[in-house]
Amino acid sequence: MAKKKNITLNQIAEKMDKGFKAVDKKIEDLTEITRDSFDAVDKRFDKVDQRFDVVDQRLENVELKLSNVAYRFEIEEVKQRVTILEKKIGVKIR
């Protein structure tokens, strides 16, 4: 039969302390990895935000240009009206 080994309270406390320190180290490592990952994500979002700013500016420019453009149906309507007027006054410009 195996001989029983007596363990003191100090030995138990030392083992527990060693175990807690190992867990603390793992938690610190995970915290650092998580922080680094979030920093990388933040940098990517900063780049995405910059690109959206550029897209916003370009869209705004397009909207400004289009606000002064007549729509196709409006042009067609005006052409028809001019044709009618030309017939009424007996003038053909085209």
C-alpha atoms as a PDB file:
ATOM      1  CA  MET A   1       0.000   0.000   0.000  1.00  0.00           C
ATOM      2  CA  ALA A   2       1.194   3.516  -0.877  1.00  0.00           C
ATOM      3  CA  LYS A   3       2.428   5.708   1.876  1.00  0.00           C
ATOM      4  CA  LYS A   4       0.221   8.706   2.691  1.00  0.00           C
ATOM      5  CA  LYS A   5       1.822  12.086   2.161  1.00  0.00           C
ATOM      6  CA  ASN A   6       0.867  14.785   4.605  1.00  0.00           C
ATOM      7  CA  ILE A   7       0.321  18.201   3.058  1.00  0.00           C
ATOM      8  CA  THR A   8       0.410  21.336   5.164  1.00  0.00           C
ATOM      9  CA  LEU A   9      -1.901  24.315   4.811  1.00  0.00           C
ATOM     10  CA  ASN A  10       1.057  26.387   3.598  1.00  0.00           C
ATOM     11  CA  GLN A  11       1.696  23.922   0.771  1.00  0.00           C
ATOM     12  CA  ILE A  12      -1.982  24.043  -0.237  1.00  0.00           C
ATOM     13  CA  ALA A  13      -1.913  27.855  -0.109  1.00  0.00           C
ATOM     14  CA  GLU A  14       1.252  27.938  -2.269  1.00  0.00           C
ATOM     15  CA  LYS A  15      -0.319  25.636  -4.873  1.00  0.00           C
ATOM     16  CA  MET A  16      -3.499  27.717  -4.942  1.00  0.00           C
ATOM     17  CA  ASP A  17      -1.460  30.921  -5.246  1.00  0.00           C
ATOM     18  CA  LYS A  18       0.520  29.414  -8.129  1.00  0.00           C
ATOM     19  CA  GLY A  19      -2.733  28.364  -9.845  1.00  0.00           C
ATOM     20  CA  PHE A  20      -4.306  31.809  -9.426  1.00  0.00           C
ATOM     21  CA  LYS A  21      -1.190  33.489 -10.808  1.00  0.00           C
ATOM     22  CA  ALA A  22      -1.307  31.230 -13.866  1.00  0.00           C
ATOM     23  CA  VAL A  23      -4.966  32.108 -14.425  1.00  0.00           C
ATOM     24  CA  ASP A  24      -4.199  35.826 -13.958  1.00  0.00           C
ATOM     25  CA  LYS A  25      -1.445  35.572 -16.585  1.00  0.00           C
ATOM     26  CA  LYS A  26      -3.801  33.892 -19.054  1.00  0.00           C
ATOM     27  CA  ILE A  27      -6.440  36.569 -18.452  1.00  0.00           C
ATOM     28  CA  GLU A  28      -3.844  39.322 -18.994  1.00  0.00           C
ATOM     29  CA  ASP A  29      -2.738  37.641 -22.239  1.00  0.00           C
ATOM     30  CA  LEU A  30      -6.334  37.380 -23.452  1.00  0.00           C
ATOM     31  CA  THR A  31      -6.947  41.004 -22.504  1.00  0.00           C
ATOM     32  CA  GLU A  32      -3.935  42.119 -24.531  1.00  0.00           C
ATOM     33  CA  ILE A  33      -4.948  40.013 -27.542  1.00  0.00           C
ATOM     34  CA  THR A  34      -8.491  41.381 -27.369  1.00  0.00           C
ATOM     35  CA  ARG A  35      -7.237  44.972 -27.063  1.00  0.00           C
ATOM     36  CA  ASP A  36      -4.931  44.506 -30.070  1.00  0.00           C
ATOM     37  CA  SER A  37      -7.766  43.004 -32.095  1.00  0.00           C
ATOM     38  CA  PHE A  38     -10.090  45.893 -31.298  1.00  0.00           C
ATOM     39  CA  ASP A  39      -7.344  48.374 -32.181  1.00  0.00           C
ATOM     40  CA  ALA A  40      -7.007  46.707 -35.586  1.00  0.00           C
ATOM     41  CA  VAL A  41     -10.776  46.817 -36.102  1.00  0.00           C
ATOM     42  CA  ASP A  42     -10.831  50.496 -35.102  1.00  0.00           C
ATOM     43  CA  LYS A  43      -8.152  51.267 -37.696  1.00  0.00           C
ATOM     44  CA  ARG A  44     -10.149  49.482 -40.392  1.00  0.00           C
ATOM     45  CA  PHE A  45     -13.301  51.380 -39.433  1.00  0.00           C
ATOM     46  CA  ASP A  46     -11.336  54.638 -39.616  1.00  0.00           C
ATOM     47  CA  LYS A  47     -10.415  53.771 -43.218  1.00  0.00           C
ATOM     48  CA  VAL A  48     -14.029  52.858 -44.004  1.00  0.00           C
ATOM     49  CA  ASP A  49     -15.196  56.170 -42.508  1.00  0.00           C
ATOM     50  CA  GLN A  50     -12.711  58.043 -44.700  1.00  0.00           C
ATOM     51  CA  ARG A  51     -13.978  56.240 -47.793  1.00  0.00           C
ATOM     52  CA  PHE A  52     -17.594  57.025 -46.880  1.00  0.00           C
ATOM     53  CA  ASP A  53     -16.640  60.680 -46.512  1.00  0.00           C
ATOM     54  CA  VAL A  54     -15.224  60.621 -50.049  1.00  0.00           C
ATOM     55  CA  VAL A  55     -18.333  58.851 -51.378  1.00  0.00           C
ATOM     56  CA  ASP A  56     -20.571  61.378 -49.597  1.00  0.00           C
ATOM     57  CA  GLN A  57     -18.672  64.270 -51.155  1.00  0.00           C
ATOM     58  CA  ARG A  58     -18.842  62.758 -54.638  1.00  0.00           C
ATOM     59  CA  LEU A  59     -22.561  62.040 -54.278  1.00  0.00           C
ATOM     60  CA  GLU A  60     -23.136  65.600 -53.147  1.00  0.00           C
ATOM     61  CA  ASN A  61     -21.301  66.833 -56.264  1.00  0.00           C
ATOM     62  CA  VAL A  62     -23.441  64.606 -58.500  1.00  0.00           C
ATOM     63  CA  GLU A  63     -26.624  65.867 -56.843  1.00  0.00           C
ATOM     64  CA  LEU A  64     -25.545  69.467 -57.389  1.00  0.00           C
ATOM     65  CA  LYS A  65     -24.888  68.782 -61.069  1.00  0.00           C
ATOM     66  CA  LEU A  66     -28.183  66.945 -61.523  1.00  0.00           C
ATOM     67  CA  SER A  67     -30.232  69.665 -59.859  1.00  0.00           C
ATOM     68  CA  ASN A  68     -29.644  71.852 -62.949  1.00  0.00           C
ATOM     69  CA  VAL A  69     -30.413  69.140 -65.516  1.00  0.00           C
ATOM     70  CA  ALA A  70     -33.794  68.746 -67.184  1.00  0.00           C
ATOM     71  CA  TYR A  71     -35.308  65.303 -67.152  1.00  0.00           C
ATOM     72  CA  ARG A  72     -35.797  63.423 -70.407  1.00  0.00           C
ATOM     73  CA  PHE A  73     -39.617  63.471 -70.189  1.00  0.00           C
ATOM     74  CA  GLU A  74     -39.520  67.248 -69.691  1.00  0.00           C
ATOM     75  CA  ILE A  75     -37.397  67.689 -72.815  1.00  0.00           C
ATOM     76  CA  GLU A  76     -39.710  65.450 -74.853  1.00  0.00           C
ATOM     77  CA  GLU A  77     -42.732  67.431 -73.687  1.00  0.00           C
ATOM     78  CA  VAL A  78     -41.091  70.712 -74.692  1.00  0.00           C
ATOM     79  CA  LYS A  79     -40.186  69.270 -78.122  1.00  0.00           C
ATOM     80  CA  GLN A  80     -43.817  68.274 -78.690  1.00  0.00           C
ATOM     81  CA  ARG A  81     -45.058  71.700 -77.649  1.00  0.00           C
ATOM     82  CA  VAL A  82     -42.560  73.419 -79.966  1.00  0.00           C
ATOM     83  CA  THR A  83     -43.681  71.197 -82.835  1.00  0.00           C
ATOM     84  CA  ILE A  84     -47.326  72.164 -82.173  1.00  0.00           C
ATOM     85  CA  LEU A  85     -46.429  75.862 -82.034  1.00  0.00           C
ATOM     86  CA  GLU A  86     -44.382  75.616 -85.240  1.00  0.00           C
ATOM     87  CA  LYS A  87     -47.370  74.043 -87.026  1.00  0.00           C
ATOM     88  CA  LYS A  88     -49.751  76.724 -85.751  1.00  0.00           C
ATOM     89  CA  ILE A  89     -47.599  79.620 -86.904  1.00  0.00           C
ATOM     90  CA  GLY A  90     -46.552  77.852 -90.082  1.00  0.00           C
ATOM     91  CA  VAL A  91     -42.837  77.819 -89.400  1.00  0.00           C
ATOM     92  CA  LYS A  92     -40.577  74.817 -89.692  1.00  0.00           C
ATOM     93  CA  ILE A  93     -37.136  75.432 -88.168  1.00  0.00           C
ATOM     94  CA  ARG A  94     -35.776  71.902 -88.384  1.00  0.00           C
END
